[in-house]
Amino acid sequence: MTDALALLWPPFLVALALIGIHAYFGIQVLARGVIFVDLALAQIAALGSTVAFMLGHSMQSGAGYGYSLAFTLVAALLLAFTRTWAGRIPQEALIGIIYVVAAAAAIVLIDRAPQGAEHLKQILTGNILTTGVGDLAPIVPLYLAIGILHFTLRHRLSASDGSSWPWEFVFYATFGIVVTSSVALAGVLLVFSFLIIPAAIGVLYADALARQLAIGWVLGTLASAAGLAVSYFWDLPTGAAMVCTFGAALALAGALYPFLHGDAARAARHVALGLRWSLAAVLVASAILLMAAPRADQPLLDAIESVAAPVRTLYLTAGEAEIYRDAHAHAERYAREAERLNALEARSRAGGEQLDDLLVRRISSFIKSYSEMRKGEEFVKREVRARARERMRWVLGPALLVLGLLIAPGVLTWASASIRKIPAGFPN
C-alpha cells in the first residue's frame, strides 16, 4: 500500500490541478453550447506538438510547448470570429471542422515519421502516471493567474454577455493556454474528460456557479482517485482507465438524479420496467440465435457458464463433460507455463541479468509452443460445446424463448385476457 501511495500521489495532485481549472472552463463551455471546443483546441495543440516533433523537438521541450501554444492561439482567434457566424452556421459545426482538419493534418505529418504511432498514442492518452510534483510548479501559478483574470473580468467573459470578438478572443486564448499545458501532461482524451464530465455533473445538480464548481471539483477528485486506483491494481493504461472512470461517474450521477431530484417511486418503477424489457429482449434474442445458429458464439450462455460452470451439465453428456474438463485443465496449465516463462524473462531483465541469445530463443520457442497448444485445447472446448448446443438447441432455445416472454411486461396480462375472450364451449 505504501508503494501504491508513493506512485499515485504525485499524479493525483496533478489531476487535482487540472480538474480545478477545467471544471470552471467546462461550465463556461456548456453555457456557450460549444461542447467540443476543448477537443478542437486540444487537437490543434497536438498538431503544434506534432510539427515540433517532426522538426526534431521533444514534446516536453520548450519548443514543443511554444509550437502548441502558437497553433492554439491562432485557433482561438478563429473561434472568436466564428461566434458572429452562428446565425447561419452553428459554431459547433465549425469546431468539428477544426478538429477533423487538425487530426488529419497530424496523421499526414506523422505517417512516415519513426515512432509516429507512439507519438499519436502519447497525444491521445498522455501518461499522467509519470507526472510528478515538479510538473505542478509551472501550471499552478499559470492556472491561478488565469482563474484570477476570469474572476476579475467575469462580466465581460460571461457566456450570456454577448461579448464582442476581442473578449471572445480573451476567453478562447486563456482556454487555449490551459488546454495546451494540460494536453502535454494528460493527453487529449483525459483533458476532455476533466473539462466536460465534472462540469456536466455540477450543472445537472445545481444552478449557481459556486455550487456547480463545488460539485464538479468533489466528483472530479473522487473519479480521479478511483481511476488511478483501478489503473494501479488492475495494471491498466492510466489515462484510458481514468477516462472510463469519469464516464462511469457521469452514468451513476445521471442514474441517481431521478431518485434524488424527482419521484423516487416512479423512477424505481421505470428502472424495473426497463430492466425487465432488457432481460426479456436478451433472452428472446439468445433463444432465436441458439435455434438458428447453435454453433455460433452464444454470449448469454457463455456468460452464464463463466459464472456457474455446472450449467453445462444441462446439455453436455458425461463423456462430453469429461472431455471439456480435461481440455480446460490442459489449457490452464499451458497458460500458467507461458506466464511463468514470461515472468522469468522479465525478472532477469529487471535484475540486470544478461540473457544469451540461445536462452532467449528457447524461452520464446517454449512460449510460442505453449500458446499454440493452449489454442488447440480451447478449440476442443469450443467444438464440444458447439456440438452439444447443436444437439440441444430445440430444447434450450424454446425454454429461453418462453422464459423471455414470461419476463416481458404485459405478456401474461395479454395472454390471460385473450383466454377470457374465448367463447364458452369453443373447441380446445
Protein backbone atom coordinates (compact mmCIF):
# COMPACT_ATOMS: atom_id res chain seq x y z
CA MET A 1 0.00 0.00 0.00
CA THR A 2 2.88 2.38 0.76
CA ASP A 3 4.34 1.76 -2.70
CA ALA A 4 0.97 2.48 -4.30
CA LEU A 5 0.61 5.78 -2.44
CA ALA A 6 4.16 6.82 -3.35
CA LEU A 7 3.45 6.11 -7.02
CA LEU A 8 -0.07 7.53 -7.27
CA TRP A 9 0.14 10.59 -5.02
CA PRO A 10 2.05 12.89 -7.47
CA PRO A 11 -0.24 12.20 -10.49
CA PHE A 12 -3.24 12.62 -8.20
CA LEU A 13 -2.05 16.11 -7.27
CA VAL A 14 -1.58 16.92 -10.96
CA ALA A 15 -5.11 15.65 -11.66
CA LEU A 16 -6.47 17.93 -8.91
CA ALA A 17 -4.78 20.94 -10.52
CA LEU A 18 -6.23 20.05 -13.92
CA ILE A 19 -9.73 19.47 -12.54
CA GLY A 20 -9.65 22.76 -10.64
CA ILE A 21 -9.34 24.89 -13.78
CA HIS A 22 -11.04 22.59 -16.29
CA ALA A 23 -14.25 22.23 -14.26
CA TYR A 24 -14.68 26.01 -14.43
CA PHE A 25 -14.00 26.16 -18.16
CA GLY A 26 -16.31 23.18 -18.65
CA ILE A 27 -19.21 25.08 -17.10
CA GLN A 28 -18.48 28.05 -19.39
CA VAL A 29 -18.26 25.77 -22.42
CA LEU A 30 -21.61 24.16 -21.57
CA ALA A 31 -23.18 27.59 -21.16
CA ARG A 32 -21.87 28.64 -24.59
CA GLY A 33 -23.06 25.41 -26.19
CA VAL A 34 -19.64 24.66 -27.73
CA ILE A 35 -19.16 21.26 -26.14
CA PHE A 36 -16.32 20.03 -28.32
CA VAL A 37 -14.23 23.19 -28.34
CA ASP A 38 -11.84 21.55 -25.89
CA LEU A 39 -11.27 18.62 -28.26
CA ALA A 40 -10.70 21.05 -31.13
CA LEU A 41 -8.20 23.19 -29.21
CA ALA A 42 -6.51 20.09 -27.78
CA GLN A 43 -6.16 18.63 -31.25
CA ILE A 44 -4.75 21.94 -32.52
CA ALA A 45 -2.25 21.89 -29.66
CA ALA A 46 -1.43 18.30 -30.60
CA LEU A 47 -0.89 19.39 -34.20
CA GLY A 48 1.56 22.03 -32.98
CA SER A 49 3.45 19.48 -30.92
CA THR A 50 3.49 17.16 -33.93
CA VAL A 51 5.07 19.88 -36.06
CA ALA A 52 7.67 20.37 -33.31
CA PHE A 53 8.19 16.59 -33.19
CA MET A 54 8.78 16.48 -36.95
CA LEU A 55 11.34 19.28 -36.57
CA GLY A 56 13.26 17.24 -34.01
CA HIS A 57 11.95 18.73 -30.76
CA SER A 58 10.65 16.71 -27.81
CA MET A 59 7.02 17.09 -26.73
CA GLN A 60 8.20 18.12 -23.25
CA SER A 61 10.64 20.74 -24.56
CA GLY A 62 10.08 24.49 -24.56
CA ALA A 63 9.97 24.47 -28.36
CA GLY A 64 7.25 21.80 -28.33
CA TYR A 65 5.17 23.89 -25.93
CA GLY A 66 5.79 27.03 -27.98
CA TYR A 67 4.60 25.44 -31.22
CA SER A 68 1.48 24.06 -29.49
CA LEU A 69 0.66 27.42 -27.93
CA ALA A 70 1.15 29.30 -31.21
CA PHE A 71 -1.19 26.94 -33.08
CA THR A 72 -3.74 27.15 -30.26
CA LEU A 73 -3.77 30.97 -30.20
CA VAL A 74 -4.40 31.06 -33.95
CA ALA A 75 -7.32 28.66 -33.44
CA ALA A 76 -8.59 30.84 -30.55
CA LEU A 77 -8.60 33.86 -32.84
CA LEU A 78 -10.56 31.90 -35.43
CA LEU A 79 -13.08 30.71 -32.82
CA ALA A 80 -13.57 34.25 -31.55
CA PHE A 81 -14.60 35.34 -35.04
CA THR A 82 -16.81 32.33 -35.76
CA ARG A 83 -19.28 33.23 -32.99
CA THR A 84 -20.56 36.02 -35.23
CA TRP A 85 -21.39 33.40 -37.88
CA ALA A 86 -23.59 31.36 -35.52
CA GLY A 87 -26.74 32.85 -37.00
CA ARG A 88 -26.13 30.99 -40.25
CA ILE A 89 -23.63 28.24 -39.41
CA PRO A 90 -23.68 26.60 -35.95
CA GLN A 91 -20.39 27.23 -34.19
CA GLU A 92 -20.27 23.58 -33.13
CA ALA A 93 -20.07 22.59 -36.81
CA LEU A 94 -17.07 24.88 -37.32
CA ILE A 95 -15.45 23.47 -34.19
CA GLY A 96 -15.91 19.97 -35.60
CA ILE A 97 -14.28 21.05 -38.86
CA ILE A 98 -11.30 22.48 -36.97
CA TYR A 99 -10.92 19.21 -35.03
CA VAL A 100 -11.15 16.98 -38.11
CA VAL A 101 -8.71 19.05 -40.16
CA ALA A 102 -6.21 19.26 -37.28
CA ALA A 103 -6.43 15.48 -36.67
CA ALA A 104 -5.99 14.71 -40.36
CA ALA A 105 -3.04 17.08 -40.64
CA ALA A 106 -1.35 15.47 -37.64
CA ILE A 107 -1.80 12.00 -39.17
CA VAL A 108 -0.39 13.19 -42.50
CA LEU A 109 2.66 14.62 -40.74
CA ILE A 110 3.48 11.55 -38.65
CA ASP A 111 2.62 8.94 -41.29
CA ARG A 112 6.24 8.38 -42.27
CA ALA A 113 7.89 9.51 -39.05
CA PRO A 114 9.77 6.99 -36.91
CA GLN A 115 7.76 6.18 -33.79
CA GLY A 116 4.86 8.14 -35.26
CA ALA A 117 2.26 5.73 -33.87
CA GLU A 118 3.76 6.05 -30.38
CA HIS A 119 3.67 9.83 -30.67
CA LEU A 120 -0.02 9.72 -31.67
CA LYS A 121 -0.84 7.45 -28.73
CA GLN A 122 1.01 9.80 -26.39
CA ILE A 123 -1.03 12.74 -27.69
CA LEU A 124 -4.37 10.97 -27.23
CA THR A 125 -3.92 9.26 -23.87
CA GLY A 126 -0.90 11.04 -22.38
CA ASN A 127 0.86 9.45 -19.44
CA ILE A 128 -0.30 11.18 -16.31
CA LEU A 129 1.18 8.37 -14.21
CA THR A 130 4.68 9.63 -14.97
CA THR A 131 3.93 13.19 -13.86
CA GLY A 132 5.29 14.42 -10.55
CA VAL A 133 5.20 17.26 -8.09
CA GLY A 134 7.72 19.11 -10.24
CA ASP A 135 5.11 19.41 -13.00
CA LEU A 136 2.93 21.49 -10.67
CA ALA A 137 5.48 24.31 -10.48
CA PRO A 138 4.72 25.77 -13.94
CA ILE A 139 1.00 25.01 -14.19
CA VAL A 140 -0.35 26.01 -10.75
CA PRO A 141 0.74 29.68 -10.96
CA LEU A 142 -0.47 29.78 -14.57
CA TYR A 143 -3.88 28.34 -13.71
CA LEU A 144 -4.21 30.65 -10.69
CA ALA A 145 -3.41 33.69 -12.83
CA ILE A 146 -5.99 32.68 -15.44
CA GLY A 147 -8.56 31.99 -12.70
CA ILE A 148 -7.99 35.45 -11.19
CA LEU A 149 -8.23 37.05 -14.64
CA HIS A 150 -11.55 35.35 -15.32
CA PHE A 151 -12.90 36.30 -11.90
CA THR A 152 -11.92 39.93 -12.46
CA LEU A 153 -13.44 40.02 -15.97
CA ARG A 154 -16.33 37.66 -15.21
CA HIS A 155 -18.96 40.07 -16.53
CA ARG A 156 -17.05 40.62 -19.76
CA LEU A 157 -16.27 36.94 -20.31
CA SER A 158 -19.69 35.61 -19.37
CA ALA A 159 -21.34 33.41 -21.98
CA SER A 160 -24.59 35.41 -21.65
CA ASP A 161 -22.89 38.76 -22.01
CA GLY A 162 -22.87 38.74 -25.80
CA SER A 163 -19.23 39.76 -25.76
CA SER A 164 -17.57 41.26 -28.80
CA TRP A 165 -14.88 39.29 -30.56
CA PRO A 166 -11.92 40.78 -28.58
CA TRP A 167 -13.39 39.48 -25.31
CA GLU A 168 -14.23 36.20 -27.00
CA PHE A 169 -10.61 36.00 -28.06
CA VAL A 170 -9.51 36.58 -24.44
CA PHE A 171 -11.75 33.69 -23.35
CA TYR A 172 -10.59 31.27 -26.04
CA ALA A 173 -6.95 32.34 -25.75
CA THR A 174 -6.82 31.73 -21.99
CA PHE A 175 -8.72 28.49 -22.51
CA GLY A 176 -6.22 27.50 -25.19
CA ILE A 177 -3.28 28.21 -22.87
CA VAL A 178 -4.82 25.91 -20.26
CA VAL A 179 -5.51 23.19 -22.82
CA THR A 180 -2.01 23.40 -24.26
CA SER A 181 -0.48 22.94 -20.81
CA SER A 182 -2.88 20.14 -19.89
CA VAL A 183 -2.56 18.08 -23.07
CA ALA A 184 1.19 17.83 -22.61
CA LEU A 185 0.56 16.18 -19.22
CA ALA A 186 -2.62 14.15 -19.63
CA GLY A 187 -3.43 13.76 -23.33
CA VAL A 188 -6.44 14.83 -25.39
CA LEU A 189 -8.98 12.28 -24.11
CA LEU A 190 -8.32 12.74 -20.40
CA VAL A 191 -8.28 16.53 -20.69
CA PHE A 192 -11.69 16.40 -22.38
CA SER A 193 -12.96 14.23 -19.50
CA PHE A 194 -11.60 16.70 -16.94
CA LEU A 195 -13.36 19.51 -18.79
CA ILE A 196 -16.84 18.18 -19.53
CA ILE A 197 -17.75 15.42 -17.09
CA PRO A 198 -17.28 17.17 -13.70
CA ALA A 199 -18.90 20.30 -15.17
CA ALA A 200 -21.83 18.30 -16.56
CA ILE A 201 -22.47 16.68 -13.18
CA GLY A 202 -22.26 20.08 -11.48
CA VAL A 203 -24.71 21.64 -13.95
CA LEU A 204 -27.05 18.67 -13.56
CA TYR A 205 -27.30 19.00 -9.78
CA ALA A 206 -27.02 22.77 -9.22
CA ASP A 207 -27.92 26.14 -10.74
CA ALA A 208 -25.49 28.54 -9.05
CA LEU A 209 -21.93 28.66 -10.37
CA ALA A 210 -20.38 28.22 -6.91
CA ARG A 211 -22.35 25.03 -6.23
CA GLN A 212 -21.67 23.73 -9.73
CA LEU A 213 -17.97 24.22 -9.20
CA ALA A 214 -18.04 22.58 -5.77
CA ILE A 215 -19.88 19.51 -7.09
CA GLY A 216 -17.60 19.29 -10.12
CA TRP A 217 -14.45 19.53 -8.01
CA VAL A 218 -15.61 16.90 -5.49
CA LEU A 219 -16.78 14.44 -8.15
CA GLY A 220 -13.68 15.03 -10.26
CA THR A 221 -11.44 14.40 -7.27
CA LEU A 222 -13.22 11.14 -6.40
CA ALA A 223 -13.24 9.94 -10.01
CA SER A 224 -9.53 10.73 -10.41
CA ALA A 225 -8.65 8.81 -7.26
CA ALA A 226 -10.78 5.86 -8.37
CA GLY A 227 -9.29 5.87 -11.88
CA LEU A 228 -5.72 5.89 -10.59
CA ALA A 229 -6.50 3.08 -8.14
CA VAL A 230 -8.17 0.96 -10.84
CA SER A 231 -5.21 1.55 -13.15
CA TYR A 232 -2.72 0.51 -10.46
CA PHE A 233 -4.42 -2.59 -9.06
CA TRP A 234 -5.57 -3.98 -12.43
CA ASP A 235 -2.44 -2.90 -14.33
CA LEU A 236 -4.38 -0.86 -16.92
CA PRO A 237 -3.33 2.14 -19.04
CA THR A 238 -3.73 5.05 -16.64
CA GLY A 239 -5.23 7.67 -18.96
CA ALA A 240 -7.75 5.30 -20.53
CA ALA A 241 -8.74 3.87 -17.12
CA MET A 242 -9.35 7.38 -15.76
CA VAL A 243 -11.47 8.34 -18.77
CA CYS A 244 -13.63 5.23 -18.27
CA THR A 245 -13.94 6.01 -14.56
CA PHE A 246 -15.12 9.54 -15.33
CA GLY A 247 -17.66 8.10 -17.76
CA ALA A 248 -18.91 5.70 -15.10
CA ALA A 249 -19.21 8.62 -12.63
CA LEU A 250 -21.38 10.54 -15.10
CA ALA A 251 -23.56 7.48 -15.74
CA LEU A 252 -24.01 6.94 -11.99
CA ALA A 253 -24.84 10.61 -11.43
CA GLY A 254 -27.41 10.51 -14.22
CA ALA A 255 -28.97 7.31 -12.89
CA LEU A 256 -29.25 8.74 -9.36
CA TYR A 257 -30.70 12.09 -10.43
CA PRO A 258 -34.36 10.96 -10.76
CA PHE A 259 -34.16 9.41 -7.29
CA LEU A 260 -32.62 12.49 -5.66
CA HIS A 261 -34.50 15.22 -7.55
CA GLY A 262 -37.79 13.66 -8.54
CA ASP A 263 -40.35 10.99 -7.77
CA ALA A 264 -38.19 8.16 -6.41
CA ALA A 265 -41.01 5.60 -6.56
CA ARG A 266 -41.80 6.43 -10.17
CA ALA A 267 -38.10 6.31 -11.08
CA ALA A 268 -37.78 2.90 -9.43
CA ARG A 269 -40.75 1.61 -11.43
CA HIS A 270 -39.23 2.88 -14.67
CA VAL A 271 -35.89 1.26 -13.83
CA ALA A 272 -37.57 -2.05 -13.01
CA LEU A 273 -39.60 -1.88 -16.21
CA GLY A 274 -36.50 -1.13 -18.27
CA LEU A 275 -34.59 -3.98 -16.68
CA ARG A 276 -37.44 -6.41 -17.37
CA TRP A 277 -37.65 -5.38 -21.02
CA SER A 278 -33.88 -5.58 -21.40
CA LEU A 279 -33.69 -9.04 -19.83
CA ALA A 280 -36.63 -10.25 -21.90
CA ALA A 281 -35.02 -8.94 -25.11
CA VAL A 282 -31.70 -10.63 -24.29
CA LEU A 283 -33.41 -13.96 -23.57
CA VAL A 284 -35.55 -13.88 -26.73
CA ALA A 285 -32.60 -12.84 -28.93
CA SER A 286 -30.42 -15.55 -27.39
CA ALA A 287 -33.13 -18.16 -27.94
CA ILE A 288 -33.52 -17.23 -31.60
CA LEU A 289 -29.74 -17.21 -32.11
CA LEU A 290 -29.35 -20.60 -30.43
CA MET A 291 -32.07 -22.20 -32.54
CA ALA A 292 -30.93 -20.59 -35.80
CA ALA A 293 -27.14 -20.87 -35.39
CA PRO A 294 -26.24 -23.17 -32.48
CA ARG A 295 -22.54 -23.32 -33.44
CA ALA A 296 -22.15 -19.54 -33.39
CA ASP A 297 -20.99 -17.64 -30.32
CA GLN A 298 -23.70 -17.58 -27.65
CA PRO A 299 -22.88 -14.58 -25.41
CA LEU A 300 -25.66 -15.24 -22.87
CA LEU A 301 -24.85 -18.93 -22.38
CA ASP A 302 -21.12 -18.19 -22.25
CA ALA A 303 -21.65 -15.51 -19.61
CA ILE A 304 -23.85 -17.79 -17.51
CA GLU A 305 -21.34 -20.62 -17.73
CA SER A 306 -18.45 -18.35 -16.76
CA VAL A 307 -20.27 -17.59 -13.51
CA ALA A 308 -21.87 -21.01 -12.93
CA ALA A 309 -19.90 -23.73 -14.71
CA PRO A 310 -22.29 -26.56 -13.61
CA VAL A 311 -24.86 -25.14 -16.06
CA ARG A 312 -23.03 -27.05 -18.79
CA THR A 313 -24.25 -30.29 -17.27
CA LEU A 314 -27.73 -29.38 -18.56
CA TYR A 315 -26.71 -30.13 -22.14
CA LEU A 316 -23.32 -31.92 -22.04
CA THR A 317 -23.27 -35.69 -21.78
CA ALA A 318 -20.99 -37.32 -19.22
CA GLY A 319 -18.41 -38.08 -21.91
CA GLU A 320 -18.54 -34.56 -23.33
CA ALA A 321 -18.21 -33.06 -19.85
CA GLU A 322 -15.12 -35.17 -19.20
CA ILE A 323 -13.50 -34.10 -22.49
CA TYR A 324 -14.33 -30.46 -21.72
CA ARG A 325 -12.84 -30.61 -18.21
CA ASP A 326 -9.68 -32.31 -19.48
CA ALA A 327 -9.19 -29.71 -22.26
CA HIS A 328 -9.81 -26.88 -19.80
CA ALA A 329 -7.24 -28.24 -17.35
CA HIS A 330 -4.61 -28.57 -20.08
CA ALA A 331 -5.34 -25.06 -21.41
CA GLU A 332 -4.93 -23.58 -17.92
CA ARG A 333 -1.67 -25.46 -17.40
CA TYR A 334 -0.23 -24.21 -20.70
CA ALA A 335 -1.26 -20.65 -19.84
CA ARG A 336 0.45 -20.88 -16.44
CA GLU A 337 3.65 -22.21 -18.01
CA ALA A 338 3.72 -19.41 -20.57
CA GLU A 339 3.16 -16.81 -17.81
CA ARG A 340 5.94 -18.40 -15.74
CA LEU A 341 8.43 -18.12 -18.61
CA ASN A 342 7.39 -14.53 -19.32
CA ALA A 343 7.82 -13.65 -15.64
CA LEU A 344 11.22 -15.38 -15.56
CA GLU A 345 12.46 -13.35 -18.52
CA ALA A 346 11.05 -10.11 -17.07
CA ARG A 347 12.69 -10.71 -13.66
CA SER A 348 16.01 -11.49 -15.30
CA ARG A 349 15.97 -8.31 -17.36
CA ALA A 350 14.81 -6.20 -14.41
CA GLY A 351 17.66 -7.57 -12.31
CA GLY A 352 20.18 -6.61 -14.95
CA GLU A 353 20.99 -10.22 -15.87
CA GLN A 354 22.19 -10.58 -19.43
CA LEU A 355 20.39 -13.44 -21.20
CA ASP A 356 22.28 -15.13 -24.02
CA ASP A 357 20.65 -15.36 -27.42
CA LEU A 358 20.19 -19.14 -27.23
CA LEU A 359 18.27 -18.91 -23.94
CA VAL A 360 16.11 -16.10 -25.27
CA ARG A 361 15.27 -18.15 -28.37
CA ARG A 362 14.46 -21.20 -26.25
CA ILE A 363 12.16 -19.21 -23.97
CA SER A 364 10.47 -17.63 -26.99
CA SER A 365 10.04 -21.05 -28.62
CA PHE A 366 8.53 -22.56 -25.46
CA ILE A 367 6.14 -19.64 -25.05
CA LYS A 368 5.02 -19.97 -28.67
CA SER A 369 4.54 -23.74 -28.27
CA TYR A 370 2.50 -23.31 -25.10
CA SER A 371 0.38 -20.68 -26.83
CA GLU A 372 -0.31 -22.97 -29.78
CA MET A 373 -1.15 -25.91 -27.53
CA ARG A 374 -3.50 -23.74 -25.49
CA LYS A 375 -5.26 -22.65 -28.67
CA GLY A 376 -5.71 -26.30 -29.57
CA GLU A 377 -7.31 -27.09 -26.22
CA GLU A 378 -9.55 -24.04 -26.49
CA PHE A 379 -10.65 -25.29 -29.93
CA VAL A 380 -11.56 -28.66 -28.37
CA LYS A 381 -13.63 -26.89 -25.71
CA ARG A 382 -15.48 -24.80 -28.30
CA GLU A 383 -16.15 -27.81 -30.52
CA VAL A 384 -17.51 -29.97 -27.69
CA ARG A 385 -19.72 -27.15 -26.50
CA ALA A 386 -20.93 -26.29 -30.03
CA ARG A 387 -21.89 -29.90 -30.83
CA ALA A 388 -23.81 -30.22 -27.57
CA ARG A 389 -25.66 -26.97 -28.16
CA GLU A 390 -26.47 -28.01 -31.71
CA ARG A 391 -27.97 -31.23 -30.39
CA MET A 392 -29.96 -29.50 -27.65
CA ARG A 393 -30.99 -26.32 -29.47
CA TRP A 394 -34.67 -27.35 -29.76
CA VAL A 395 -34.77 -27.86 -26.00
CA LEU A 396 -32.71 -24.94 -24.69
CA GLY A 397 -33.89 -22.48 -27.35
CA PRO A 398 -37.64 -22.78 -26.71
CA ALA A 399 -37.00 -22.77 -22.95
CA LEU A 400 -35.13 -19.47 -23.19
CA LEU A 401 -37.83 -18.10 -25.51
CA VAL A 402 -40.66 -18.95 -23.13
CA LEU A 403 -38.70 -17.52 -20.18
CA GLY A 404 -38.10 -14.28 -22.08
CA LEU A 405 -41.78 -13.93 -22.99
CA LEU A 406 -42.85 -14.58 -19.40
CA ILE A 407 -40.47 -11.89 -18.12
CA ALA A 408 -41.61 -9.30 -20.71
CA PRO A 409 -44.03 -6.84 -19.05
CA GLY A 410 -47.65 -7.26 -20.03
CA VAL A 411 -47.33 -10.61 -21.81
CA LEU A 412 -49.03 -12.59 -19.05
CA THR A 413 -51.82 -10.00 -18.77
CA TRP A 414 -52.36 -10.10 -22.53
CA ALA A 415 -52.41 -13.92 -22.54
CA SER A 416 -54.92 -14.16 -19.69
CA ALA A 417 -57.16 -11.53 -21.33
CA SER A 418 -57.03 -13.44 -24.62
CA ILE A 419 -58.04 -16.66 -22.86
CA ARG A 420 -61.00 -14.94 -21.17
CA LYS A 421 -62.23 -13.74 -24.58
CA ILE A 422 -62.53 -17.32 -25.87
CA PRO A 423 -66.31 -18.11 -26.12
CA ALA A 424 -67.70 -20.75 -23.81
CA GLY A 425 -67.90 -24.14 -25.50
CA PHE A 426 -65.21 -23.23 -28.04
CA PRO A 427 -63.45 -26.47 -29.00
CA ASN A 428 -59.99 -26.83 -27.47
